[in-house]
Amino acid sequence: MSQWSSTKAKRVLAALLRIGWNIKRESSSHKILTRPGSPDVVFAFHDKDEVGPKMLARMAKHTGLEPKDL
């Protein structure tokens, strides 16, 4: 069983901002997130979209997001 559970994209974005990511630029639902020492990450979800466990796990590899951050 995955340690991740589905959650709203708005909540995921808020968690990423709390752990040090910043929005570099934005175009519609696509946001480019940046953090010093890390490559930029594209966050392409509308606020009300559900982000599933597999996508959250994939994001965690690139961003350092952990289940406790949500």
C-alpha atoms as a PDB file:
ATOM      1  CA  MET A   1       0.000   0.000   0.000  1.00  0.00           C
ATOM      2  CA  SER A   2       1.280   3.446  -0.867  1.00  0.00           C
ATOM      3  CA  GLN A   3       2.034   5.939   1.863  1.00  0.00           C
ATOM      4  CA  TRP A   4       0.437   8.596  -0.323  1.00  0.00           C
ATOM      5  CA  SER A   5      -3.293   9.205  -0.619  1.00  0.00           C
ATOM      6  CA  SER A   6      -5.151  11.305  -3.182  1.00  0.00           C
ATOM      7  CA  THR A   7      -5.404  14.987  -2.371  1.00  0.00           C
ATOM      8  CA  LYS A   8      -6.372  18.234  -4.059  1.00  0.00           C
ATOM      9  CA  ALA A   9      -3.767  20.017  -6.175  1.00  0.00           C
ATOM     10  CA  LYS A  10      -4.273  23.235  -4.217  1.00  0.00           C
ATOM     11  CA  ARG A  11      -3.138  21.446  -1.045  1.00  0.00           C
ATOM     12  CA  VAL A  12      -0.115  19.922  -2.799  1.00  0.00           C
ATOM     13  CA  LEU A  13       0.967  23.313  -4.149  1.00  0.00           C
ATOM     14  CA  ALA A  14       0.611  24.883  -0.691  1.00  0.00           C
ATOM     15  CA  ALA A  15       2.818  22.129   0.761  1.00  0.00           C
ATOM     16  CA  LEU A  16       5.465  22.673  -1.927  1.00  0.00           C
ATOM     17  CA  LEU A  17       5.507  26.399  -1.184  1.00  0.00           C
ATOM     18  CA  ARG A  18       5.892  25.665   2.551  1.00  0.00           C
ATOM     19  CA  ILE A  19       8.950  23.448   1.981  1.00  0.00           C
ATOM     20  CA  GLY A  20      10.795  26.132   0.037  1.00  0.00           C
ATOM     21  CA  TRP A  21       9.578  26.067  -3.562  1.00  0.00           C
ATOM     22  CA  ASN A  22       8.583  29.361  -5.212  1.00  0.00           C
ATOM     23  CA  ILE A  23       6.483  30.095  -8.275  1.00  0.00           C
ATOM     24  CA  LYS A  24       8.859  31.363 -10.962  1.00  0.00           C
ATOM     25  CA  ARG A  25       6.160  31.970 -13.568  1.00  0.00           C
ATOM     26  CA  GLU A  26       2.603  30.949 -14.305  1.00  0.00           C
ATOM     27  CA  SER A  27       0.475  30.426 -17.393  1.00  0.00           C
ATOM     28  CA  SER A  28      -3.058  29.144 -16.857  1.00  0.00           C
ATOM     29  CA  SER A  29      -2.805  25.909 -14.855  1.00  0.00           C
ATOM     30  CA  HIS A  30       0.937  25.488 -15.519  1.00  0.00           C
ATOM     31  CA  LYS A  31       3.240  26.796 -12.817  1.00  0.00           C
ATOM     32  CA  ILE A  32       7.022  26.629 -12.986  1.00  0.00           C
ATOM     33  CA  LEU A  33       8.393  26.083  -9.480  1.00  0.00           C
ATOM     34  CA  THR A  34      11.962  26.875  -8.535  1.00  0.00           C
ATOM     35  CA  ARG A  35      14.185  26.332  -5.504  1.00  0.00           C
ATOM     36  CA  PRO A  36      17.880  27.134  -5.121  1.00  0.00           C
ATOM     37  CA  GLY A  37      20.038  24.084  -5.820  1.00  0.00           C
ATOM     38  CA  SER A  38      17.249  22.155  -7.567  1.00  0.00           C
ATOM     39  CA  PRO A  39      16.121  22.020 -11.187  1.00  0.00           C
ATOM     40  CA  ASP A  40      12.819  23.726 -12.006  1.00  0.00           C
ATOM     41  CA  VAL A  41       9.645  21.654 -11.730  1.00  0.00           C
ATOM     42  CA  VAL A  42       6.434  22.052 -13.770  1.00  0.00           C
ATOM     43  CA  PHE A  43       3.236  21.872 -11.700  1.00  0.00           C
ATOM     44  CA  ALA A  44       0.387  21.463 -14.202  1.00  0.00           C
ATOM     45  CA  PHE A  45      -2.817  20.998 -12.219  1.00  0.00           C
ATOM     46  CA  HIS A  46      -5.928  23.077 -11.633  1.00  0.00           C
ATOM     47  CA  ASP A  47      -6.603  23.812  -7.946  1.00  0.00           C
ATOM     48  CA  LYS A  48      -9.592  21.460  -7.706  1.00  0.00           C
ATOM     49  CA  ASP A  49      -7.930  18.519  -9.497  1.00  0.00           C
ATOM     50  CA  GLU A  50      -7.265  15.343  -7.503  1.00  0.00           C
ATOM     51  CA  VAL A  51      -3.627  14.278  -7.508  1.00  0.00           C
ATOM     52  CA  GLY A  52      -3.333  10.513  -7.112  1.00  0.00           C
ATOM     53  CA  PRO A  53      -0.827   8.495  -5.092  1.00  0.00           C
ATOM     54  CA  LYS A  54       1.359   7.548  -8.073  1.00  0.00           C
ATOM     55  CA  MET A  55       1.713  11.164  -9.196  1.00  0.00           C
ATOM     56  CA  LEU A  56       2.439  12.300  -5.624  1.00  0.00           C
ATOM     57  CA  ALA A  57       5.182   9.682  -5.309  1.00  0.00           C
ATOM     58  CA  ARG A  58       6.663  10.815  -8.624  1.00  0.00           C
ATOM     59  CA  MET A  59       6.555  14.462  -7.494  1.00  0.00           C
ATOM     60  CA  ALA A  60       8.228  13.526  -4.215  1.00  0.00           C
ATOM     61  CA  LYS A  61      11.272  12.173  -6.068  1.00  0.00           C
ATOM     62  CA  HIS A  62      11.802  15.521  -7.790  1.00  0.00           C
ATOM     63  CA  THR A  63      10.759  17.946  -5.056  1.00  0.00           C
ATOM     64  CA  GLY A  64      11.500  16.336  -1.693  1.00  0.00           C
ATOM     65  CA  LEU A  65       7.812  16.380  -0.739  1.00  0.00           C
ATOM     66  CA  GLU A  66       6.887  13.965   2.063  1.00  0.00           C
ATOM     67  CA  PRO A  67       3.468  12.727   3.215  1.00  0.00           C
ATOM     68  CA  LYS A  68       3.814  14.642   6.492  1.00  0.00           C
ATOM     69  CA  ASP A  69       4.143  17.906   4.501  1.00  0.00           C
ATOM     70  CA  LEU A  70       0.553  17.623   3.297  1.00  0.00           C
END
